[in-house]
Amino acid sequence: MATRSVTRPRPDSMVSISYRVTNRGSSSTYLLACGQLPTPETDRLVANSWQEYGGTGCVAIYDMRPLALAPGQAVDASWSSDVAGTYRLRLFFGDDPTAATAKSVIGPTFVVQ
């Protein structure tokens, strides 16, 4: 997979990485979500090793039910940061709403400069 690079306009400014999650399977899948948007974990590359950088928190005022995606359905979301580094997002999903953290998929690497 190609690495995407995003440059912040100023060293203290935020960048936003847009991504799309598509269910390419033949049955519905359920994503770990917050406010009906996917809630990825963030990994950061530190000294040639991936380390968890950000968890999957959700403020209690938002809907925390898993997000259902039918076969072929997609959802768009974004991730933001103001810290330079090399990152990847990890999404959790399952075959039913009670198992939304049963499996995970890792997205492509991207660089924030």
PDB file of N, CA and C in Angstrom:
ATOM      1  N   MET A   1       0.830  -1.180   0.000  1.00  0.00           N
ATOM      2  CA  MET A   1       0.000   0.000   0.000  1.00  0.00           C
ATOM      3  C   MET A   1       0.876   1.245   0.000  1.00  0.00           C
ATOM      4  N   ALA A   2       0.437   2.258  -0.682  1.00  0.00           N
ATOM      5  CA  ALA A   2       1.181   3.512  -0.742  1.00  0.00           C
ATOM      6  C   ALA A   2       0.993   4.291   0.555  1.00  0.00           C
ATOM      7  N   THR A   3       2.004   5.031   0.922  1.00  0.00           N
ATOM      8  CA  THR A   3       1.933   5.891   2.095  1.00  0.00           C
ATOM      9  C   THR A   3       1.500   7.279   1.661  1.00  0.00           C
ATOM     10  N   ARG A   4       0.491   7.795   2.316  1.00  0.00           N
ATOM     11  CA  ARG A   4       0.005   9.137   2.022  1.00  0.00           C
ATOM     12  C   ARG A   4       0.683  10.112   2.975  1.00  0.00           C
ATOM     13  N   SER A   5       1.072  11.288   2.470  1.00  0.00           N
ATOM     14  CA  SER A   5       1.716  12.304   3.287  1.00  0.00           C
ATOM     15  C   SER A   5       0.879  13.575   3.274  1.00  0.00           C
ATOM     16  N   VAL A   6       0.677  14.147   4.450  1.00  0.00           N
ATOM     17  CA  VAL A   6      -0.089  15.380   4.597  1.00  0.00           C
ATOM     18  C   VAL A   6       0.776  16.388   5.339  1.00  0.00           C
ATOM     19  N   THR A   7       0.893  17.587   4.793  1.00  0.00           N
ATOM     20  CA  THR A   7       1.709  18.625   5.419  1.00  0.00           C
ATOM     21  C   THR A   7       0.806  19.658   6.076  1.00  0.00           C
ATOM     22  N   ARG A   8       1.086  19.947   7.351  1.00  0.00           N
ATOM     23  CA  ARG A   8       0.321  20.971   8.071  1.00  0.00           C
ATOM     24  C   ARG A   8       0.746  22.346   7.566  1.00  0.00           C
ATOM     25  N   PRO A   9      -0.209  23.285   7.382  1.00  0.00           N
ATOM     26  CA  PRO A   9       0.143  24.623   6.902  1.00  0.00           C
ATOM     27  C   PRO A   9       1.088  25.358   7.862  1.00  0.00           C
ATOM     28  N   ARG A  10       0.881  25.153   9.166  1.00  0.00           N
ATOM     29  CA  ARG A  10       1.752  25.708  10.206  1.00  0.00           C
ATOM     30  C   ARG A  10       2.077  24.579  11.175  1.00  0.00           C
ATOM     31  N   PRO A  11       3.210  24.643  11.860  1.00  0.00           N
ATOM     32  CA  PRO A  11       3.590  23.544  12.769  1.00  0.00           C
ATOM     33  C   PRO A  11       2.555  23.243  13.851  1.00  0.00           C
ATOM     34  N   ASP A  12       1.747  24.219  14.251  1.00  0.00           N
ATOM     35  CA  ASP A  12       0.770  23.989  15.318  1.00  0.00           C
ATOM     36  C   ASP A  12      -0.650  23.758  14.800  1.00  0.00           C
ATOM     37  N   SER A  13      -0.820  23.598  13.488  1.00  0.00           N
ATOM     38  CA  SER A  13      -2.162  23.463  12.923  1.00  0.00           C
ATOM     39  C   SER A  13      -2.585  21.993  12.830  1.00  0.00           C
ATOM     40  N   MET A  14      -3.888  21.793  12.750  1.00  0.00           N
ATOM     41  CA  MET A  14      -4.474  20.463  12.631  1.00  0.00           C
ATOM     42  C   MET A  14      -4.557  20.047  11.160  1.00  0.00           C
ATOM     43  N   VAL A  15      -4.472  18.764  10.936  1.00  0.00           N
ATOM     44  CA  VAL A  15      -4.782  18.203   9.622  1.00  0.00           C
ATOM     45  C   VAL A  15      -5.882  17.172   9.817  1.00  0.00           C
ATOM     46  N   SER A  16      -6.644  16.964   8.782  1.00  0.00           N
ATOM     47  CA  SER A  16      -7.723  15.994   8.828  1.00  0.00           C
ATOM     48  C   SER A  16      -7.517  14.993   7.691  1.00  0.00           C
ATOM     49  N   ILE A  17      -7.550  13.716   8.036  1.00  0.00           N
ATOM     50  CA  ILE A  17      -7.409  12.631   7.062  1.00  0.00           C
ATOM     51  C   ILE A  17      -8.791  12.020   6.867  1.00  0.00           C
ATOM     52  N   SER A  18      -9.305  12.098   5.662  1.00  0.00           N
ATOM     53  CA  SER A  18     -10.601  11.489   5.351  1.00  0.00           C
ATOM     54  C   SER A  18     -10.388  10.041   4.934  1.00  0.00           C
ATOM     55  N   TYR A  19     -11.328   9.188   5.327  1.00  0.00           N
ATOM     56  CA  TYR A  19     -11.252   7.787   4.921  1.00  0.00           C
ATOM     57  C   TYR A  19     -12.660   7.232   4.736  1.00  0.00           C
ATOM     58  N   ARG A  20     -12.750   6.144   4.021  1.00  0.00           N
ATOM     59  CA  ARG A  20     -14.027   5.480   3.755  1.00  0.00           C
ATOM     60  C   ARG A  20     -13.908   4.021   4.182  1.00  0.00           C
ATOM     61  N   VAL A  21     -14.936   3.549   4.860  1.00  0.00           N
ATOM     62  CA  VAL A  21     -15.025   2.153   5.260  1.00  0.00           C
ATOM     63  C   VAL A  21     -16.145   1.523   4.435  1.00  0.00           C
ATOM     64  N   THR A  22     -15.828   0.449   3.707  1.00  0.00           N
ATOM     65  CA  THR A  22     -16.795  -0.225   2.849  1.00  0.00           C
ATOM     66  C   THR A  22     -16.908  -1.691   3.255  1.00  0.00           C
ATOM     67  N   ASN A  23     -18.127  -2.166   3.391  1.00  0.00           N
ATOM     68  CA  ASN A  23     -18.368  -3.584   3.657  1.00  0.00           C
ATOM     69  C   ASN A  23     -18.337  -4.322   2.327  1.00  0.00           C
ATOM     70  N   ARG A  24     -17.265  -5.044   2.063  1.00  0.00           N
ATOM     71  CA  ARG A  24     -17.120  -5.801   0.822  1.00  0.00           C
ATOM     72  C   ARG A  24     -17.564  -7.257   0.981  1.00  0.00           C
ATOM     73  N   GLY A  25     -18.131  -7.574   2.142  1.00  0.00           N
ATOM     74  CA  GLY A  25     -18.591  -8.934   2.391  1.00  0.00           C
ATOM     75  C   GLY A  25     -19.992  -9.182   1.838  1.00  0.00           C
ATOM     76  N   SER A  26     -20.494 -10.376   2.120  1.00  0.00           N
ATOM     77  CA  SER A  26     -21.824 -10.761   1.620  1.00  0.00           C
ATOM     78  C   SER A  26     -22.900 -10.686   2.698  1.00  0.00           C
ATOM     79  N   SER A  27     -22.536 -10.274   3.901  1.00  0.00           N
ATOM     80  CA  SER A  27     -23.520 -10.102   4.974  1.00  0.00           C
ATOM     81  C   SER A  27     -23.203  -8.813   5.724  1.00  0.00           C
ATOM     82  N   SER A  28     -24.158  -8.361   6.530  1.00  0.00           N
ATOM     83  CA  SER A  28     -23.954  -7.127   7.289  1.00  0.00           C
ATOM     84  C   SER A  28     -22.806  -7.284   8.276  1.00  0.00           C
ATOM     85  N   THR A  29     -22.139  -6.173   8.547  1.00  0.00           N
ATOM     86  CA  THR A  29     -21.093  -6.147   9.564  1.00  0.00           C
ATOM     87  C   THR A  29     -21.379  -4.960  10.478  1.00  0.00           C
ATOM     88  N   TYR A  30     -20.820  -5.014  11.690  1.00  0.00           N
ATOM     89  CA  TYR A  30     -21.096  -4.001  12.697  1.00  0.00           C
ATOM     90  C   TYR A  30     -19.780  -3.408  13.180  1.00  0.00           C
ATOM     91  N   LEU A  31     -19.637  -2.101  13.012  1.00  0.00           N
ATOM     92  CA  LEU A  31     -18.409  -1.401  13.380  1.00  0.00           C
ATOM     93  C   LEU A  31     -18.524  -0.796  14.765  1.00  0.00           C
ATOM     94  N   LEU A  32     -17.431  -0.822  15.508  1.00  0.00           N
ATOM     95  CA  LEU A  32     -17.354  -0.066  16.746  1.00  0.00           C
ATOM     96  C   LEU A  32     -17.534   1.395  16.366  1.00  0.00           C
ATOM     97  N   ALA A  33     -18.453   2.103  17.032  1.00  0.00           N
ATOM     98  CA  ALA A  33     -18.803   3.450  16.587  1.00  0.00           C
ATOM     99  C   ALA A  33     -19.078   4.384  17.758  1.00  0.00           C
ATOM    100  N   CYS A  34     -19.063   5.661  17.434  1.00  0.00           N
ATOM    101  CA  CYS A  34     -19.420   6.728  18.362  1.00  0.00           C
ATOM    102  C   CYS A  34     -20.191   7.766  17.554  1.00  0.00           C
ATOM    103  N   GLY A  35     -21.421   8.035  17.931  1.00  0.00           N
ATOM    104  CA  GLY A  35     -22.206   8.997  17.177  1.00  0.00           C
ATOM    105  C   GLY A  35     -22.456   8.563  15.747  1.00  0.00           C
ATOM    106  N   GLN A  36     -22.590   7.264  15.516  1.00  0.00           N
ATOM    107  CA  GLN A  36     -22.830   6.665  14.200  1.00  0.00           C
ATOM    108  C   GLN A  36     -21.676   6.891  13.204  1.00  0.00           C
ATOM    109  N   LEU A  37     -20.459   7.076  13.733  1.00  0.00           N
ATOM    110  CA  LEU A  37     -19.241   7.129  12.910  1.00  0.00           C
ATOM    111  C   LEU A  37     -18.258   6.087  13.441  1.00  0.00           C
ATOM    112  N   PRO A  38     -17.463   5.479  12.562  1.00  0.00           N
ATOM    113  CA  PRO A  38     -16.473   4.512  13.026  1.00  0.00           C
ATOM    114  C   PRO A  38     -15.539   5.141  14.067  1.00  0.00           C
ATOM    115  N   THR A  39     -15.128   4.319  15.038  1.00  0.00           N
ATOM    116  CA  THR A  39     -14.226   4.770  16.093  1.00  0.00           C
ATOM    117  C   THR A  39     -12.934   3.973  16.002  1.00  0.00           C
ATOM    118  N   PRO A  40     -11.955   4.452  15.241  1.00  0.00           N
ATOM    119  CA  PRO A  40     -10.711   3.677  15.094  1.00  0.00           C
ATOM    120  C   PRO A  40      -9.753   3.893  16.255  1.00  0.00           C
ATOM    121  N   GLU A  41      -8.892   2.914  16.476  1.00  0.00           N
ATOM    122  CA  GLU A  41      -7.718   3.125  17.317  1.00  0.00           C
ATOM    123  C   GLU A  41      -6.642   3.672  16.402  1.00  0.00           C
ATOM    124  N   THR A  42      -5.741   4.451  16.953  1.00  0.00           N
ATOM    125  CA  THR A  42      -4.655   5.052  16.191  1.00  0.00           C
ATOM    126  C   THR A  42      -3.336   4.474  16.664  1.00  0.00           C
ATOM    127  N   ASP A  43      -2.524   3.999  15.729  1.00  0.00           N
ATOM    128  CA  ASP A  43      -1.167   3.537  16.028  1.00  0.00           C
ATOM    129  C   ASP A  43      -0.190   4.549  15.458  1.00  0.00           C
ATOM    130  N   ARG A  44       0.932   4.759  16.165  1.00  0.00           N
ATOM    131  CA  ARG A  44       1.985   5.670  15.703  1.00  0.00           C
ATOM    132  C   ARG A  44       3.294   4.891  15.633  1.00  0.00           C
ATOM    133  N   LEU A  45       4.051   5.118  14.561  1.00  0.00           N
ATOM    134  CA  LEU A  45       5.332   4.451  14.389  1.00  0.00           C
ATOM    135  C   LEU A  45       6.387   5.179  15.221  1.00  0.00           C
ATOM    136  N   VAL A  46       6.983   4.445  16.172  1.00  0.00           N
ATOM    137  CA  VAL A  46       8.013   5.008  17.049  1.00  0.00           C
ATOM    138  C   VAL A  46       9.205   4.050  17.033  1.00  0.00           C
ATOM    139  N   ALA A  47      10.347   4.538  16.560  1.00  0.00           N
ATOM    140  CA  ALA A  47      11.581   3.733  16.517  1.00  0.00           C
ATOM    141  C   ALA A  47      11.338   2.373  15.856  1.00  0.00           C
ATOM    142  N   ASN A  48      10.725   2.372  14.676  1.00  0.00           N
ATOM    143  CA  ASN A  48      10.474   1.173  13.877  1.00  0.00           C
ATOM    144  C   ASN A  48       9.502   0.178  14.504  1.00  0.00           C
ATOM    145  N   SER A  49       8.685   0.644  15.453  1.00  0.00           N
ATOM    146  CA  SER A  49       7.704  -0.218  16.092  1.00  0.00           C
ATOM    147  C   SER A  49       6.374   0.527  16.218  1.00  0.00           C
ATOM    148  N   TRP A  50       5.275  -0.154  15.917  1.00  0.00           N
ATOM    149  CA  TRP A  50       3.955   0.470  16.055  1.00  0.00           C
ATOM    150  C   TRP A  50       3.530   0.452  17.512  1.00  0.00           C
ATOM    151  N   GLN A  51       3.085   1.619  18.003  1.00  0.00           N
ATOM    152  CA  GLN A  51       2.597   1.734  19.373  1.00  0.00           C
ATOM    153  C   GLN A  51       1.212   2.364  19.345  1.00  0.00           C
ATOM    154  N   GLU A  52       0.335   1.909  20.269  1.00  0.00           N
ATOM    155  CA  GLU A  52      -0.991   2.506  20.345  1.00  0.00           C
ATOM    156  C   GLU A  52      -0.846   3.970  20.751  1.00  0.00           C
ATOM    157  N   TYR A  53      -1.456   4.835  19.971  1.00  0.00           N
ATOM    158  CA  TYR A  53      -1.341   6.270  20.192  1.00  0.00           C
ATOM    159  C   TYR A  53      -2.646   6.863  20.712  1.00  0.00           C
ATOM    160  N   GLY A  54      -3.745   6.377  20.228  1.00  0.00           N
ATOM    161  CA  GLY A  54      -5.041   6.887  20.659  1.00  0.00           C
ATOM    162  C   GLY A  54      -6.049   5.761  20.689  1.00  0.00           C
ATOM    163  N   GLY A  55      -6.856   5.739  21.735  1.00  0.00           N
ATOM    164  CA  GLY A  55      -7.833   4.680  21.903  1.00  0.00           C
ATOM    165  C   GLY A  55      -9.158   4.994  21.235  1.00  0.00           C
ATOM    166  N   THR A  56     -10.153   4.228  21.622  1.00  0.00           N
ATOM    167  CA  THR A  56     -11.469   4.332  21.000  1.00  0.00           C
ATOM    168  C   THR A  56     -12.469   4.954  21.958  1.00  0.00           C
ATOM    169  N   GLY A  57     -12.163   6.079  22.526  1.00  0.00           N
ATOM    170  CA  GLY A  57     -13.058   6.715  23.484  1.00  0.00           C
ATOM    171  C   GLY A  57     -14.280   7.330  22.827  1.00  0.00           C
ATOM    172  N   CYS A  58     -15.365   7.426  23.621  1.00  0.00           N
ATOM    173  CA  CYS A  58     -16.595   8.041  23.150  1.00  0.00           C
ATOM    174  C   CYS A  58     -17.256   8.728  24.339  1.00  0.00           C
ATOM    175  N   VAL A  59     -17.588   9.988  24.201  1.00  0.00           N
ATOM    176  CA  VAL A  59     -18.255  10.735  25.268  1.00  0.00           C
ATOM    177  C   VAL A  59     -19.678  10.196  25.404  1.00  0.00           C
ATOM    178  N   ALA A  60     -20.142  10.038  26.643  1.00  0.00           N
ATOM    179  CA  ALA A  60     -21.417   9.371  26.923  1.00  0.00           C
ATOM    180  C   ALA A  60     -22.647  10.040  26.315  1.00  0.00           C
ATOM    181  N   ILE A  61     -22.545  11.261  25.857  1.00  0.00           N
ATOM    182  CA  ILE A  61     -23.715  11.911  25.248  1.00  0.00           C
ATOM    183  C   ILE A  61     -23.961  11.425  23.824  1.00  0.00           C
ATOM    184  N   TYR A  62     -23.012  10.687  23.251  1.00  0.00           N
ATOM    185  CA  TYR A  62     -23.147  10.184  21.876  1.00  0.00           C
ATOM    186  C   TYR A  62     -23.644   8.741  21.864  1.00  0.00           C
ATOM    187  N   ASP A  63     -24.313   8.394  20.797  1.00  0.00           N
ATOM    188  CA  ASP A  63     -24.802   7.036  20.580  1.00  0.00           C
ATOM    189  C   ASP A  63     -23.603   6.100  20.430  1.00  0.00           C
ATOM    190  N   MET A  64     -23.512   5.079  21.277  1.00  0.00           N
ATOM    191  CA  MET A  64     -22.382   4.150  21.242  1.00  0.00           C
ATOM    192  C   MET A  64     -22.750   2.802  20.645  1.00  0.00           C
ATOM    193  N   ARG A  65     -23.939   2.707  20.065  1.00  0.00           N
ATOM    194  CA  ARG A  65     -24.310   1.443  19.429  1.00  0.00           C
ATOM    195  C   ARG A  65     -23.430   1.194  18.203  1.00  0.00           C
ATOM    196  N   PRO A  66     -23.118  -0.072  17.928  1.00  0.00           N
ATOM    197  CA  PRO A  66     -22.337  -0.383  16.725  1.00  0.00           C
ATOM    198  C   PRO A  66     -23.041   0.128  15.470  1.00  0.00           C
ATOM    199  N   LEU A  67     -22.257   0.504  14.498  1.00  0.00           N
ATOM    200  CA  LEU A  67     -22.753   0.995  13.219  1.00  0.00           C
ATOM    201  C   LEU A  67     -22.895  -0.182  12.264  1.00  0.00           C
ATOM    202  N   ALA A  68     -24.114  -0.419  11.791  1.00  0.00           N
ATOM    203  CA  ALA A  68     -24.368  -1.528  10.867  1.00  0.00           C
ATOM    204  C   ALA A  68     -24.079  -1.097   9.438  1.00  0.00           C
ATOM    205  N   LEU A  69     -23.326  -1.921   8.717  1.00  0.00           N
ATOM    206  CA  LEU A  69     -23.080  -1.699   7.294  1.00  0.00           C
ATOM    207  C   LEU A  69     -23.564  -2.927   6.526  1.00  0.00           C
ATOM    208  N   ALA A  70     -24.508  -2.715   5.631  1.00  0.00           N
ATOM    209  CA  ALA A  70     -24.999  -3.790   4.770  1.00  0.00           C
ATOM    210  C   ALA A  70     -23.940  -4.098   3.707  1.00  0.00           C
ATOM    211  N   PRO A  71     -24.035  -5.247   3.059  1.00  0.00           N
ATOM    212  CA  PRO A  71     -23.081  -5.555   1.984  1.00  0.00           C
ATOM    213  C   PRO A  71     -23.047  -4.433   0.944  1.00  0.00           C
ATOM    214  N   GLY A  72     -21.849  -3.980   0.610  1.00  0.00           N
ATOM    215  CA  GLY A  72     -21.670  -2.913  -0.369  1.00  0.00           C
ATOM    216  C   GLY A  72     -21.833  -1.514   0.181  1.00  0.00           C
ATOM    217  N   GLN A  73     -22.327  -1.370   1.396  1.00  0.00           N
ATOM    218  CA  GLN A  73     -22.537  -0.044   1.989  1.00  0.00           C
ATOM    219  C   GLN A  73     -21.214   0.522   2.501  1.00  0.00           C
ATOM    220  N   ALA A  74     -21.102   1.848   2.438  1.00  0.00           N
ATOM    221  CA  ALA A  74     -19.884   2.533   2.889  1.00  0.00           C
ATOM    222  C   ALA A  74     -20.247   3.680   3.824  1.00  0.00           C
ATOM    223  N   VAL A  75     -19.289   4.079   4.638  1.00  0.00           N
ATOM    224  CA  VAL A  75     -19.441   5.250   5.501  1.00  0.00           C
ATOM    225  C   VAL A  75     -18.136   6.048   5.417  1.00  0.00           C
ATOM    226  N   ASP A  76     -18.263   7.363   5.341  1.00  0.00           N
ATOM    227  CA  ASP A  76     -17.104   8.258   5.307  1.00  0.00           C
ATOM    228  C   ASP A  76     -16.870   8.834   6.693  1.00  0.00           C
ATOM    229  N   ALA A  77     -15.614   8.998   7.056  1.00  0.00           N
ATOM    230  CA  ALA A  77     -15.254   9.565   8.352  1.00  0.00           C
ATOM    231  C   ALA A  77     -13.922  10.302   8.195  1.00  0.00           C
ATOM    232  N   SER A  78     -13.452  10.906   9.282  1.00  0.00           N
ATOM    233  CA  SER A  78     -12.157  11.590   9.240  1.00  0.00           C
ATOM    234  C   SER A  78     -11.461  11.447  10.582  1.00  0.00           C
ATOM    235  N   TRP A  79     -10.166  11.641  10.558  1.00  0.00           N
ATOM    236  CA  TRP A  79      -9.296  11.586  11.731  1.00  0.00           C
ATOM    237  C   TRP A  79      -8.456  12.843  11.707  1.00  0.00           C
ATOM    238  N   SER A  80      -8.259  13.483  12.864  1.00  0.00           N
ATOM    239  CA  SER A  80      -7.506  14.745  12.912  1.00  0.00           C
ATOM    240  C   SER A  80      -6.378  14.670  13.926  1.00  0.00           C
ATOM    241  N   SER A  81      -5.303  15.421  13.632  1.00  0.00           N
ATOM    242  CA  SER A  81      -4.171  15.504  14.554  1.00  0.00           C
ATOM    243  C   SER A  81      -3.376  16.772  14.290  1.00  0.00           C
ATOM    244  N   ASP A  82      -2.669  17.214  15.324  1.00  0.00           N
ATOM    245  CA  ASP A  82      -1.755  18.347  15.176  1.00  0.00           C
ATOM    246  C   ASP A  82      -0.322  17.920  15.502  1.00  0.00           C
ATOM    247  N   VAL A  83      -0.077  16.610  15.563  1.00  0.00           N
ATOM    248  CA  VAL A  83       1.237  16.073  15.920  1.00  0.00           C
ATOM    249  C   VAL A  83       1.846  15.361  14.713  1.00  0.00           C
ATOM    250  N   ALA A  84       3.056  15.775  14.337  1.00  0.00           N
ATOM    251  CA  ALA A  84       3.750  15.132  13.217  1.00  0.00           C
ATOM    252  C   ALA A  84       4.080  13.685  13.562  1.00  0.00           C
ATOM    253  N   GLY A  85       4.051  12.831  12.551  1.00  0.00           N
ATOM    254  CA  GLY A  85       4.407  11.437  12.767  1.00  0.00           C
ATOM    255  C   GLY A  85       3.852  10.539  11.678  1.00  0.00           C
ATOM    256  N   THR A  86       4.147   9.253  11.801  1.00  0.00           N
ATOM    257  CA  THR A  86       3.648   8.232  10.888  1.00  0.00           C
ATOM    258  C   THR A  86       2.591   7.431  11.632  1.00  0.00           C
ATOM    259  N   TYR A  87       1.413   7.295  11.031  1.00  0.00           N
ATOM    260  CA  TYR A  87       0.256   6.703  11.696  1.00  0.00           C
ATOM    261  C   TYR A  87      -0.415   5.641  10.838  1.00  0.00           C
ATOM    262  N   ARG A  88      -1.304   4.888  11.483  1.00  0.00           N
ATOM    263  CA  ARG A  88      -2.253   4.007  10.814  1.00  0.00           C
ATOM    264  C   ARG A  88      -3.476   3.896  11.725  1.00  0.00           C
ATOM    265  N   LEU A  89      -4.625   3.649  11.124  1.00  0.00           N
ATOM    266  CA  LEU A  89      -5.858   3.482  11.880  1.00  0.00           C
ATOM    267  C   LEU A  89      -6.244   2.010  11.890  1.00  0.00           C
ATOM    268  N   ARG A  90      -6.822   1.577  13.008  1.00  0.00           N
ATOM    269  CA  ARG A  90      -7.291   0.196  13.146  1.00  0.00           C
ATOM    270  C   ARG A  90      -8.771   0.242  13.515  1.00  0.00           C
ATOM    271  N   LEU A  91      -9.615  -0.366  12.678  1.00  0.00           N
ATOM    272  CA  LEU A  91     -11.055  -0.396  12.909  1.00  0.00           C
ATOM    273  C   LEU A  91     -11.481  -1.762  13.426  1.00  0.00           C
ATOM    274  N   PHE A  92     -12.438  -1.743  14.347  1.00  0.00           N
ATOM    275  CA  PHE A  92     -12.960  -2.976  14.920  1.00  0.00           C
ATOM    276  C   PHE A  92     -14.355  -3.251  14.376  1.00  0.00           C
ATOM    277  N   PHE A  93     -14.648  -4.534  14.154  1.00  0.00           N
ATOM    278  CA  PHE A  93     -15.943  -4.914  13.584  1.00  0.00           C
ATOM    279  C   PHE A  93     -16.284  -6.344  13.979  1.00  0.00           C
ATOM    280  N   GLY A  94     -17.543  -6.717  13.740  1.00  0.00           N
ATOM    281  CA  GLY A  94     -17.986  -8.073  14.024  1.00  0.00           C
ATOM    282  C   GLY A  94     -19.195  -8.432  13.193  1.00  0.00           C
ATOM    283  N   ASP A  95     -19.628  -9.685  13.323  1.00  0.00           N
ATOM    284  CA  ASP A  95     -20.736 -10.195  12.529  1.00  0.00           C
ATOM    285  C   ASP A  95     -22.110  -9.903  13.128  1.00  0.00           C
ATOM    286  N   ASP A  96     -22.143  -9.440  14.376  1.00  0.00           N
ATOM    287  CA  ASP A  96     -23.413  -9.040  14.978  1.00  0.00           C
ATOM    288  C   ASP A  96     -23.147  -7.883  15.945  1.00  0.00           C
ATOM    289  N   PRO A  97     -24.193  -7.160  16.355  1.00  0.00           N
ATOM    290  CA  PRO A  97     -23.994  -5.965  17.183  1.00  0.00           C
ATOM    291  C   PRO A  97     -23.302  -6.221  18.514  1.00  0.00           C
ATOM    292  N   THR A  98     -23.397  -7.433  19.049  1.00  0.00           N
ATOM    293  CA  THR A  98     -22.755  -7.719  20.333  1.00  0.00           C
ATOM    294  C   THR A  98     -21.285  -8.099  20.180  1.00  0.00           C
ATOM    295  N   ALA A  99     -20.811  -8.188  18.941  1.00  0.00           N
ATOM    296  CA  ALA A  99     -19.427  -8.610  18.691  1.00  0.00           C
ATOM    297  C   ALA A  99     -18.671  -7.581  17.845  1.00  0.00           C
ATOM    298  N   ALA A 100     -18.953  -6.285  18.044  1.00  0.00           N
ATOM    299  CA  ALA A 100     -18.347  -5.238  17.208  1.00  0.00           C
ATOM    300  C   ALA A 100     -16.849  -5.067  17.436  1.00  0.00           C
ATOM    301  N   THR A 101     -16.284  -5.748  18.433  1.00  0.00           N
ATOM    302  CA  THR A 101     -14.838  -5.668  18.649  1.00  0.00           C
ATOM    303  C   THR A 101     -14.150  -7.008  18.405  1.00  0.00           C
ATOM    304  N   ALA A 102     -14.853  -7.968  17.787  1.00  0.00           N
ATOM    305  CA  ALA A 102     -14.324  -9.317  17.602  1.00  0.00           C
ATOM    306  C   ALA A 102     -13.158  -9.386  16.620  1.00  0.00           C
ATOM    307  N   LYS A 103     -13.155  -8.513  15.609  1.00  0.00           N
ATOM    308  CA  LYS A 103     -12.125  -8.539  14.570  1.00  0.00           C
ATOM    309  C   LYS A 103     -11.624  -7.112  14.351  1.00  0.00           C
ATOM    310  N   SER A 104     -10.480  -7.004  13.705  1.00  0.00           N
ATOM    311  CA  SER A 104      -9.988  -5.660  13.368  1.00  0.00           C
ATOM    312  C   SER A 104      -9.321  -5.685  11.990  1.00  0.00           C
ATOM    313  N   VAL A 105      -9.256  -4.521  11.399  1.00  0.00           N
ATOM    314  CA  VAL A 105      -8.582  -4.349  10.116  1.00  0.00           C
ATOM    315  C   VAL A 105      -7.712  -3.099  10.229  1.00  0.00           C
ATOM    316  N   ILE A 106      -6.515  -3.164   9.673  1.00  0.00           N
ATOM    317  CA  ILE A 106      -5.575  -2.048   9.743  1.00  0.00           C
ATOM    318  C   ILE A 106      -5.565  -1.332   8.404  1.00  0.00           C
ATOM    319  N   GLY A 107      -5.696  -0.024   8.455  1.00  0.00           N
ATOM    320  CA  GLY A 107      -5.684   0.802   7.251  1.00  0.00           C
ATOM    321  C   GLY A 107      -4.272   1.112   6.790  1.00  0.00           C
ATOM    322  N   PRO A 108      -4.163   1.828   5.689  1.00  0.00           N
ATOM    323  CA  PRO A 108      -2.841   2.181   5.169  1.00  0.00           C
ATOM    324  C   PRO A 108      -2.107   3.177   6.058  1.00  0.00           C
ATOM    325  N   THR A 109      -0.804   3.193   5.920  1.00  0.00           N
ATOM    326  CA  THR A 109       0.049   4.115   6.657  1.00  0.00           C
ATOM    327  C   THR A 109      -0.059   5.518   6.051  1.00  0.00           C
ATOM    328  N   PHE A 110      -0.029   6.538   6.930  1.00  0.00           N
ATOM    329  CA  PHE A 110       0.012   7.909   6.436  1.00  0.00           C
ATOM    330  C   PHE A 110       0.936   8.734   7.324  1.00  0.00           C
ATOM    331  N   VAL A 111       1.486   9.794   6.758  1.00  0.00           N
ATOM    332  CA  VAL A 111       2.473  10.637   7.438  1.00  0.00           C
ATOM    333  C   VAL A 111       1.913  12.041   7.597  1.00  0.00           C
ATOM    334  N   VAL A 112       2.000  12.578   8.812  1.00  0.00           N
ATOM    335  CA  VAL A 112       1.642  13.968   9.087  1.00  0.00           C
ATOM    336  C   VAL A 112       2.963  14.713   9.298  1.00  0.00           C
ATOM    337  N   GLN A 113       3.178  15.744   8.480  1.00  0.00           N
ATOM    338  CA  GLN A 113       4.439  16.505   8.586  1.00  0.00           C
ATOM    339  C   GLN A 113       4.167  17.880   9.133  1.00  0.00           C
TER     340      GLN A 113
END
